[in-house]
């Protein structure tokens, strides 16, 4: 395994691990959420982070501790698969951390259980509130109350091999902007022969396809669930458009046979070999492929039949319910989002900034592909469901089986029927 892939391992773990504890319910009827008016405690604080996102958090904590020696932050890294369960147990036992950086797709699970502190009044007072990644704020909001803010972000994009585009007679400055163009370009690239394929995806990886296939659906004008995240909409025409495009590319052998069984372990390898024309991945892969000598690649928005879209991944950060040093926790959050820190610490680590008004900084502009990714933060989406892990991450869950039945088995009717039953069962549990 090359060094670039070793660095990627924790990131892939975020997609491939299962945290079903996120879907559990707690008896919180007599436990109203803590509010920002209750913030007390200005001593040293504790921060829990996911293993997948440790590097940037280390840089942030080091910078904070240097400037605040009397209020140092102690950081604890928790394995992704154990994170939600450990956090729930810590809050229940009265031993909660002060700060919690949680997977953006799991925050609904925590807010539904009243496990975070209401910080609405503090957020409303921020002069840059409107510049914060909107999907991250929205997914962290319940009943008009805000419980977390964007912390460390990633967006899904379409990567394409410029050299293969040129060899296939395609304009490398004009990547596909629609599903029809995606399929047409895949045909021309595959026609080059020599084990070259126009497209690939991890056909047996649930989390990978939540992050990268859902945007094709959104970009086709629809969704796979209703706005409340309480019901599957598998017969939406937008779902059909996205999955039919994948089915066509599979049926016409425009992707390698290995795509069917790829569980994410080799998700990046095909494109890295220079034999794959296009693949959808997170913006984290920019740094991986940039380090690959001779790989001439570009990035673009994920296309659909009516536009383009992106999934907003990464973490949001909030104050734990029961935090003993909540004032320090808030001060750290506000400091981490300040213009100076976003530019001097976050951008320096090669991460996306959480504010649209800080994306156009010198460090980010030095890598145009990263700047393009950062600009997607303003429009990228997140599925709104407290059952995200059970539905979209579990390899035995309904989402992955739905995709496989449609694309590989070639039976959309069965995929929809079984998928609706599977989604309903998981949503009711």
Protein backbone atom coordinates (compact mmCIF):
# COMPACT_ATOMS: atom_id res chain seq x y z
CA UNK A 1 0.00 0.00 0.00
CA UNK A 2 1.54 3.35 -1.05
CA UNK A 3 1.91 6.15 1.53
CA UNK A 4 -0.98 8.10 0.02
CA UNK A 5 -3.32 5.16 0.60
CA UNK A 6 -2.08 4.69 4.15
CA UNK A 7 -3.00 8.30 4.85
CA UNK A 8 -6.41 7.67 3.34
CA UNK A 9 -7.25 4.63 5.46
CA UNK A 10 -8.87 6.60 8.34
CA UNK A 11 -10.94 8.57 5.85
CA UNK A 12 -12.24 5.47 4.14
CA UNK A 13 -13.12 4.10 7.55
CA UNK A 14 -15.62 6.90 7.93
CA UNK A 15 -17.55 5.49 4.98
CA UNK A 16 -17.10 1.80 5.64
CA UNK A 17 -17.79 1.46 9.37
CA UNK A 18 -21.16 0.99 11.01
CA UNK A 19 -22.39 2.91 14.03
CA UNK A 20 -25.85 1.49 14.56
CA UNK A 21 -25.94 2.98 18.04
CA UNK A 22 -26.74 6.23 16.27
CA UNK A 23 -30.18 4.85 15.59
CA UNK A 24 -31.05 3.96 19.19
CA UNK A 25 -33.64 5.87 21.18
CA UNK A 26 -33.34 7.21 24.69
CA UNK A 27 -35.99 8.12 27.19
CA UNK A 28 -35.46 11.88 27.25
CA UNK A 29 -38.99 13.17 27.78
CA UNK A 30 -38.05 14.77 31.11
CA UNK A 31 -34.67 16.00 29.85
CA UNK A 32 -35.16 19.25 27.96
CA UNK A 33 -32.07 20.29 25.98
CA UNK A 34 -29.57 22.50 27.71
CA UNK A 35 -29.50 26.03 26.29
CA UNK A 36 -26.84 28.60 25.55
CA UNK A 37 -28.15 30.64 28.49
CA UNK A 38 -26.83 27.91 30.78
CA UNK A 39 -23.20 28.05 29.61
CA UNK A 40 -20.82 27.97 32.57
CA UNK A 41 -17.32 26.75 33.19
CA UNK A 42 -14.26 28.48 31.76
CA UNK A 43 -11.64 25.94 32.72
CA UNK A 44 -9.71 23.45 30.59
CA UNK A 45 -12.02 21.47 28.32
CA UNK A 46 -12.16 18.11 26.58
CA UNK A 47 -12.81 17.50 22.89
CA UNK A 48 -13.84 14.19 21.33
CA UNK A 49 -13.00 13.68 17.66
CA UNK A 50 -13.36 10.86 15.16
CA UNK A 51 -10.22 8.99 14.20
CA UNK A 52 -10.90 9.79 10.54
CA UNK A 53 -10.55 13.52 11.17
CA UNK A 54 -7.78 13.63 13.76
CA UNK A 55 -5.05 15.54 11.85
CA UNK A 56 -6.86 18.87 11.48
CA UNK A 57 -8.22 18.71 15.02
CA UNK A 58 -4.68 18.20 16.31
CA UNK A 59 -3.61 21.36 14.51
CA UNK A 60 -6.55 23.33 15.88
CA UNK A 61 -6.02 22.15 19.45
CA UNK A 62 -2.30 22.91 19.30
CA UNK A 63 -2.99 26.46 18.08
CA UNK A 64 -5.67 27.02 20.71
CA UNK A 65 -3.54 25.68 23.56
CA UNK A 66 -0.62 27.88 22.58
CA UNK A 67 -2.84 30.96 22.74
CA UNK A 68 -4.85 29.82 25.80
CA UNK A 69 -2.47 28.12 28.28
CA UNK A 70 -4.96 28.52 31.14
CA UNK A 71 -7.81 26.93 29.21
CA UNK A 72 -6.19 24.11 27.33
CA UNK A 73 -8.17 21.62 25.30
CA UNK A 74 -7.49 17.91 25.79
CA UNK A 75 -8.37 15.90 22.72
CA UNK A 76 -9.55 12.30 22.76
CA UNK A 77 -9.65 10.35 19.49
CA UNK A 78 -12.43 7.76 19.32
CA UNK A 79 -12.65 5.03 16.65
CA UNK A 80 -15.37 5.91 14.16
CA UNK A 81 -17.34 2.71 14.65
CA UNK A 82 -17.53 3.27 18.43
CA UNK A 83 -18.01 7.02 18.46
CA UNK A 84 -21.76 7.48 18.79
CA UNK A 85 -22.25 4.65 21.28
CA UNK A 86 -19.41 5.87 23.50
CA UNK A 87 -20.73 9.43 23.41
CA UNK A 88 -24.27 8.39 24.34
CA UNK A 89 -22.91 6.34 27.24
CA UNK A 90 -20.72 9.23 28.41
CA UNK A 91 -23.62 11.67 28.52
CA UNK A 92 -25.85 9.20 30.34
CA UNK A 93 -23.16 8.48 32.92
CA UNK A 94 -22.51 12.16 33.59
CA UNK A 95 -18.99 11.96 32.18
CA UNK A 96 -19.56 13.79 28.91
CA UNK A 97 -16.79 15.67 27.13
CA UNK A 98 -17.19 19.41 26.71
CA UNK A 99 -16.94 19.41 22.94
CA UNK A 100 -18.06 16.77 20.47
CA UNK A 101 -17.09 16.69 16.78
CA UNK A 102 -19.52 14.27 15.17
CA UNK A 103 -20.07 12.96 11.66
CA UNK A 104 -22.42 15.41 9.96
CA UNK A 105 -24.71 12.56 8.89
CA UNK A 106 -25.10 11.41 12.53
CA UNK A 107 -25.95 14.71 14.18
CA UNK A 108 -29.70 14.09 13.72
CA UNK A 109 -29.37 11.04 15.92
CA UNK A 110 -27.83 13.12 18.72
CA UNK A 111 -30.27 16.01 18.49
CA UNK A 112 -33.21 13.60 18.45
CA UNK A 113 -31.99 12.29 21.81
CA UNK A 114 -31.31 15.73 23.36
CA UNK A 115 -27.59 15.01 23.65
CA UNK A 116 -26.31 18.42 22.54
CA UNK A 117 -26.63 21.94 23.93
CA UNK A 118 -28.80 24.57 22.27
CA UNK A 119 -26.42 27.31 21.04
CA UNK A 120 -28.95 29.30 18.98
CA UNK A 121 -28.52 32.70 20.61
CA UNK A 122 -24.74 32.48 20.35
CA UNK A 123 -24.88 31.47 16.69
CA UNK A 124 -27.37 34.22 15.88
CA UNK A 125 -24.90 36.76 17.26
CA UNK A 126 -22.11 35.66 14.92
CA UNK A 127 -21.50 38.33 12.24
CA UNK A 128 -20.62 35.60 9.73
CA UNK A 129 -23.57 33.28 10.44
CA UNK A 130 -24.90 33.58 6.88
CA UNK A 131 -21.52 32.49 5.48
CA UNK A 132 -21.47 29.15 7.37
CA UNK A 133 -22.03 25.96 5.34
CA UNK A 134 -25.84 26.03 5.12
CA UNK A 135 -26.44 22.26 4.97
CA UNK A 136 -24.32 21.75 8.11
CA UNK A 137 -26.32 24.35 10.03
CA UNK A 138 -29.63 23.05 8.72
CA UNK A 139 -28.95 19.41 9.62
CA UNK A 140 -27.97 20.59 13.13
CA UNK A 141 -31.17 22.56 13.62
CA UNK A 142 -34.32 21.20 15.26
CA UNK A 143 -37.45 23.25 15.80
CA UNK A 144 -35.57 26.43 14.99
CA UNK A 145 -32.88 25.66 17.57
CA UNK A 146 -29.24 25.19 16.51
CA UNK A 147 -27.15 22.50 18.22
CA UNK A 148 -23.94 22.29 16.20
CA UNK A 149 -21.90 24.11 13.56
CA UNK A 150 -19.68 23.06 10.65
CA UNK A 151 -16.24 21.97 11.78
CA UNK A 152 -14.34 19.84 9.24
CA UNK A 153 -15.87 19.46 5.79
CA UNK A 154 -15.58 17.38 2.65
CA UNK A 155 -17.70 17.40 -0.53
CA UNK A 156 -18.33 14.75 -3.17
CA UNK A 157 -17.20 15.48 -6.72
CA UNK A 158 -16.68 13.80 -10.09
CA UNK A 159 -13.02 13.12 -10.89
CA UNK A 160 -11.99 12.67 -14.52
CA UNK A 161 -8.75 11.69 -16.24
CA UNK A 162 -7.80 14.50 -18.60
CA UNK A 163 -5.35 12.40 -20.60
CA UNK A 164 -7.99 9.75 -21.31
CA UNK A 165 -10.43 12.49 -22.31
CA UNK A 166 -7.89 13.81 -24.81
CA UNK A 167 -7.12 10.36 -26.20
CA UNK A 168 -10.86 9.69 -26.62
CA UNK A 169 -11.34 12.91 -28.59
CA UNK A 170 -13.10 14.66 -25.71
CA UNK A 171 -12.34 18.17 -24.54
CA UNK A 172 -10.55 17.89 -21.16
CA UNK A 173 -11.79 21.37 -20.34
CA UNK A 174 -15.41 20.20 -20.68
CA UNK A 175 -16.22 17.34 -18.30
CA UNK A 176 -19.77 15.89 -18.40
CA UNK A 177 -22.49 18.24 -17.20
CA UNK A 178 -25.41 15.78 -17.47
CA UNK A 179 -26.13 12.08 -17.11
CA UNK A 180 -26.38 11.72 -20.88
CA UNK A 181 -22.95 13.30 -21.30
CA UNK A 182 -21.56 11.09 -18.52
CA UNK A 183 -22.66 7.93 -20.32
CA UNK A 184 -21.58 9.24 -23.74
CA UNK A 185 -18.12 10.15 -22.44
CA UNK A 186 -17.80 6.76 -20.73
CA UNK A 187 -18.51 5.05 -24.07
CA UNK A 188 -15.80 6.98 -25.89
CA UNK A 189 -13.21 6.34 -23.19
CA UNK A 190 -14.03 2.63 -22.99
CA UNK A 191 -13.66 2.41 -26.77
CA UNK A 192 -9.94 3.13 -26.33
CA UNK A 193 -9.58 -0.52 -25.27
CA UNK A 194 -6.62 -1.93 -23.42
CA UNK A 195 -8.50 -2.53 -20.14
CA UNK A 196 -9.53 1.13 -20.09
CA UNK A 197 -13.00 1.92 -18.79
CA UNK A 198 -15.01 5.10 -18.86
CA UNK A 199 -16.44 4.94 -15.36
CA UNK A 200 -16.42 3.02 -12.09
CA UNK A 201 -18.02 3.04 -8.67
CA UNK A 202 -17.84 0.91 -5.52
CA UNK A 203 -20.87 -1.24 -6.25
CA UNK A 204 -20.80 -3.16 -2.97
CA UNK A 205 -20.10 -0.27 -0.58
CA UNK A 206 -23.12 1.28 1.12
CA UNK A 207 -21.44 4.36 2.57
CA UNK A 208 -19.48 5.10 -0.60
CA UNK A 209 -22.71 5.20 -2.57
CA UNK A 210 -24.52 7.35 -0.06
CA UNK A 211 -21.80 9.93 -0.47
CA UNK A 212 -21.37 9.70 -4.23
CA UNK A 213 -24.54 8.28 -5.79
CA UNK A 214 -27.15 10.34 -3.96
CA UNK A 215 -25.86 13.53 -5.66
CA UNK A 216 -26.73 12.08 -9.09
CA UNK A 217 -30.30 11.77 -7.79
CA UNK A 218 -30.38 15.26 -6.30
CA UNK A 219 -28.94 16.68 -9.52
CA UNK A 220 -31.79 15.01 -11.42
CA UNK A 221 -34.34 17.07 -9.49
CA UNK A 222 -35.50 14.66 -6.81
CA UNK A 223 -34.53 12.65 -3.75
CA UNK A 224 -34.51 9.15 -2.33
CA UNK A 225 -36.37 10.24 0.83
CA UNK A 226 -38.95 12.87 1.65
CA UNK A 227 -37.88 16.21 3.14
CA UNK A 228 -38.55 15.00 6.69
CA UNK A 229 -36.43 11.89 6.24
CA UNK A 230 -39.32 9.68 7.31
CA UNK A 231 -40.23 7.90 4.05
CA UNK A 232 -38.37 6.51 1.05
CA UNK A 233 -39.22 7.89 -2.39
CA UNK A 234 -37.62 5.15 -4.46
CA UNK A 235 -40.01 5.59 -7.38
CA UNK A 236 -39.01 9.24 -7.85
CA UNK A 237 -38.14 9.85 -11.54
CA UNK A 238 -34.83 11.34 -10.37
CA UNK A 239 -33.89 8.03 -8.74
CA UNK A 240 -34.68 6.22 -11.98
CA UNK A 241 -32.58 8.65 -14.02
CA UNK A 242 -29.49 8.21 -11.81
CA UNK A 243 -29.70 4.43 -11.46
CA UNK A 244 -30.58 3.85 -15.10
CA UNK A 245 -27.39 5.69 -16.07
CA UNK A 246 -25.36 3.39 -13.81
CA UNK A 247 -27.21 0.33 -15.11
CA UNK A 248 -26.50 1.35 -18.71
CA UNK A 249 -22.80 1.73 -17.98
CA UNK A 250 -22.76 -1.67 -16.26
CA UNK A 251 -24.73 -3.43 -19.01
CA UNK A 252 -22.53 -1.94 -21.74
CA UNK A 253 -19.36 -2.88 -19.83
CA UNK A 254 -18.29 0.75 -19.56
CA UNK A 255 -17.01 -0.03 -16.06
CA UNK A 256 -14.75 -2.88 -14.91
CA UNK A 257 -16.33 -6.13 -13.72
CA UNK A 258 -14.65 -5.59 -10.33
CA UNK A 259 -16.98 -2.65 -9.66
CA UNK A 260 -19.76 -5.07 -8.70
CA UNK A 261 -17.87 -6.45 -5.71
CA UNK A 262 -15.90 -3.36 -4.68
CA UNK A 263 -16.71 -2.85 -0.99
CA UNK A 264 -14.61 0.29 -0.80
CA UNK A 265 -11.28 -1.39 -0.12
CA UNK A 266 -10.10 -0.66 -3.66
CA UNK A 267 -12.38 2.31 -4.27
CA UNK A 268 -9.61 4.67 -5.33
CA UNK A 269 -7.20 2.26 -6.99
CA UNK A 270 -8.71 2.02 -10.45
CA UNK A 271 -8.63 5.73 -11.13
CA UNK A 272 -5.19 5.92 -9.58
CA UNK A 273 -3.96 3.41 -12.17
CA UNK A 274 -4.83 5.78 -15.02
CA UNK A 275 -7.16 3.21 -16.59
CA UNK A 276 -10.47 4.74 -15.43
CA UNK A 277 -12.01 7.79 -17.05
CA UNK A 278 -14.36 8.97 -14.29
CA UNK A 279 -15.27 8.26 -10.68
CA UNK A 280 -17.19 10.14 -7.99
CA UNK A 281 -15.32 10.59 -4.69
CA UNK A 282 -14.96 13.00 -1.83
CA UNK A 283 -12.72 16.05 -2.09
CA UNK A 284 -10.30 14.26 0.27
CA UNK A 285 -9.02 12.37 -2.78
CA UNK A 286 -7.59 15.54 -4.34
CA UNK A 287 -4.54 15.33 -2.10
CA UNK A 288 -4.23 11.58 -2.73
CA UNK A 289 -4.30 11.84 -6.52
CA UNK A 290 -2.24 15.02 -6.54
CA UNK A 291 0.62 12.99 -5.07
CA UNK A 292 0.33 10.41 -7.86
CA UNK A 293 3.05 11.12 -10.41
CA UNK A 294 1.74 11.35 -13.95
CA UNK A 295 -1.95 11.38 -13.04
CA UNK A 296 -3.47 14.33 -14.91
CA UNK A 297 -6.94 14.77 -13.43
CA UNK A 298 -9.66 17.34 -13.07
CA UNK A 299 -12.70 17.63 -10.82
CA UNK A 300 -16.21 18.83 -11.52
CA UNK A 301 -19.66 18.83 -9.96
CA UNK A 302 -21.56 15.54 -9.99
CA UNK A 303 -24.06 15.77 -12.86
CA UNK A 304 -27.69 14.74 -13.09
CA UNK A 305 -30.44 15.15 -15.66
CA UNK A 306 -31.32 18.65 -14.44
CA UNK A 307 -28.14 20.12 -12.98
CA UNK A 308 -25.35 19.20 -10.58
CA UNK A 309 -25.12 18.40 -6.88
CA UNK A 310 -22.78 17.40 -4.05
CA UNK A 311 -22.98 15.64 -0.68
CA UNK A 312 -21.58 17.61 2.27
CA UNK A 313 -19.54 15.27 4.45
CA UNK A 314 -17.22 15.72 7.39
CA UNK A 315 -18.02 16.82 10.92
CA UNK A 316 -20.05 19.34 12.85
CA UNK A 317 -19.04 20.41 16.35
CA UNK A 318 -21.25 21.11 19.32
CA UNK A 319 -21.26 21.43 23.09
CA UNK A 320 -22.10 18.19 24.85
CA UNK A 321 -25.11 17.98 27.09
CA UNK A 322 -23.71 18.05 30.61
CA UNK A 323 -20.48 19.80 29.59
CA UNK A 324 -18.61 21.04 32.65
CA UNK A 325 -16.72 23.75 30.78
CA UNK A 326 -19.30 24.85 28.25
CA UNK A 327 -18.07 28.45 28.13
CA UNK A 328 -14.60 27.30 27.08
CA UNK A 329 -16.23 24.95 24.60
CA UNK A 330 -18.15 27.77 22.91
CA UNK A 331 -15.12 30.04 22.87
CA UNK A 332 -13.16 27.29 21.10
CA UNK A 333 -15.92 26.79 18.52
CA UNK A 334 -16.18 30.51 17.77
CA UNK A 335 -12.39 30.84 17.64
CA UNK A 336 -12.06 27.87 15.27
CA UNK A 337 -14.45 29.53 12.81
CA UNK A 338 -12.75 32.93 12.92
CA UNK A 339 -11.36 34.24 9.65
CA UNK A 340 -7.77 34.06 10.80
CA UNK A 341 -8.01 30.46 12.03
CA UNK A 342 -9.89 29.28 8.95
CA UNK A 343 -7.17 30.70 6.74
CA UNK A 344 -4.07 30.07 8.83
CA UNK A 345 -4.87 26.68 10.39
CA UNK A 346 -7.70 24.97 8.51
CA UNK A 347 -6.64 25.91 4.96
CA UNK A 348 -3.02 25.23 5.85
CA UNK A 349 -3.87 21.58 6.57
CA UNK A 350 -5.45 21.30 3.12
CA UNK A 351 -9.00 21.20 4.47
CA UNK A 352 -12.06 23.06 3.22
CA UNK A 353 -13.04 26.17 5.13
CA UNK A 354 -16.47 26.22 6.79
CA UNK A 355 -17.24 29.80 5.73
CA UNK A 356 -17.89 30.91 2.16
CA UNK A 357 -16.18 34.23 2.86
CA UNK A 358 -12.89 32.47 3.72
CA UNK A 359 -12.77 29.95 0.85
CA UNK A 360 -10.98 32.30 -1.53
CA UNK A 361 -7.74 32.40 0.48
CA UNK A 362 -4.19 32.20 -0.83
CA UNK A 363 -3.55 28.66 0.43
CA UNK A 364 -6.72 27.25 -1.13
CA UNK A 365 -6.33 29.18 -4.37
CA UNK A 366 -2.92 27.59 -4.82
CA UNK A 367 -4.77 24.34 -5.64
CA UNK A 368 -7.65 25.25 -8.03
CA UNK A 369 -9.28 21.83 -7.61
CA UNK A 370 -9.46 22.39 -3.86
CA UNK A 371 -10.91 25.86 -4.40
CA UNK A 372 -13.57 24.35 -6.65
CA UNK A 373 -14.40 21.86 -3.91
CA UNK A 374 -14.57 24.63 -1.32
CA UNK A 375 -17.04 26.55 -3.46
CA UNK A 376 -19.39 23.55 -3.38
CA UNK A 377 -19.78 23.88 0.39
CA UNK A 378 -22.41 26.57 -0.16
CA UNK A 379 -24.75 24.23 -2.07
CA UNK A 380 -23.87 20.67 -0.95
CA UNK A 381 -26.60 18.66 0.80
CA UNK A 382 -26.97 16.15 3.64
CA UNK A 383 -29.78 13.56 4.02
CA UNK A 384 -32.10 14.54 6.85
CA UNK A 385 -32.67 11.37 8.86
CA UNK A 386 -31.78 10.17 12.34
CA UNK A 387 -31.50 6.65 10.88
CA UNK A 388 -28.70 7.47 8.45
CA UNK A 389 -26.37 4.67 9.56
CA UNK A 390 -29.06 2.01 9.55
CA UNK A 391 -30.31 3.02 6.11
CA UNK A 392 -27.21 4.15 4.24
CA UNK A 393 -24.09 2.80 5.98
CA UNK A 394 -25.09 -0.68 7.07
CA UNK A 395 -23.81 -3.08 4.36
CA UNK A 396 -26.90 -5.22 5.01
CA UNK A 397 -29.20 -2.20 4.87
CA UNK A 398 -31.88 -1.39 2.28
CA UNK A 399 -30.02 1.30 0.37
CA UNK A 400 -27.14 -0.82 -0.89
CA UNK A 401 -29.42 -3.72 -1.78
CA UNK A 402 -31.69 -1.32 -3.66
CA UNK A 403 -28.77 -0.11 -5.78
CA UNK A 404 -27.49 -3.62 -6.45
CA UNK A 405 -30.92 -4.94 -7.43
CA UNK A 406 -31.37 -2.09 -9.88
CA UNK A 407 -27.92 -1.84 -11.42
CA UNK A 408 -26.56 -5.40 -11.31
CA UNK A 409 -29.65 -7.64 -11.12
CA UNK A 410 -31.45 -5.43 -13.59
CA UNK A 411 -34.85 -5.53 -11.91
CA UNK A 412 -35.99 -1.97 -11.02
CA UNK A 413 -39.49 -3.11 -10.05
CA UNK A 414 -38.13 -5.60 -7.49
CA UNK A 415 -35.59 -3.05 -6.32
CA UNK A 416 -38.32 -0.51 -5.61
CA UNK A 417 -40.67 -2.99 -3.95
CA UNK A 418 -38.04 -4.58 -1.72
CA UNK A 419 -36.39 -1.24 -1.11
CA UNK A 420 -39.58 0.40 0.13
CA UNK A 421 -40.15 -2.50 2.49
CA UNK A 422 -36.58 -2.34 3.77
CA UNK A 423 -36.61 1.40 4.30
CA UNK A 424 -39.97 1.29 6.09
CA UNK A 425 -38.76 -1.47 8.40
CA UNK A 426 -35.58 0.40 9.35
CA UNK A 427 -37.39 3.71 9.80
CA UNK A 428 -39.94 2.08 12.11
CA UNK A 429 -37.35 0.35 14.29
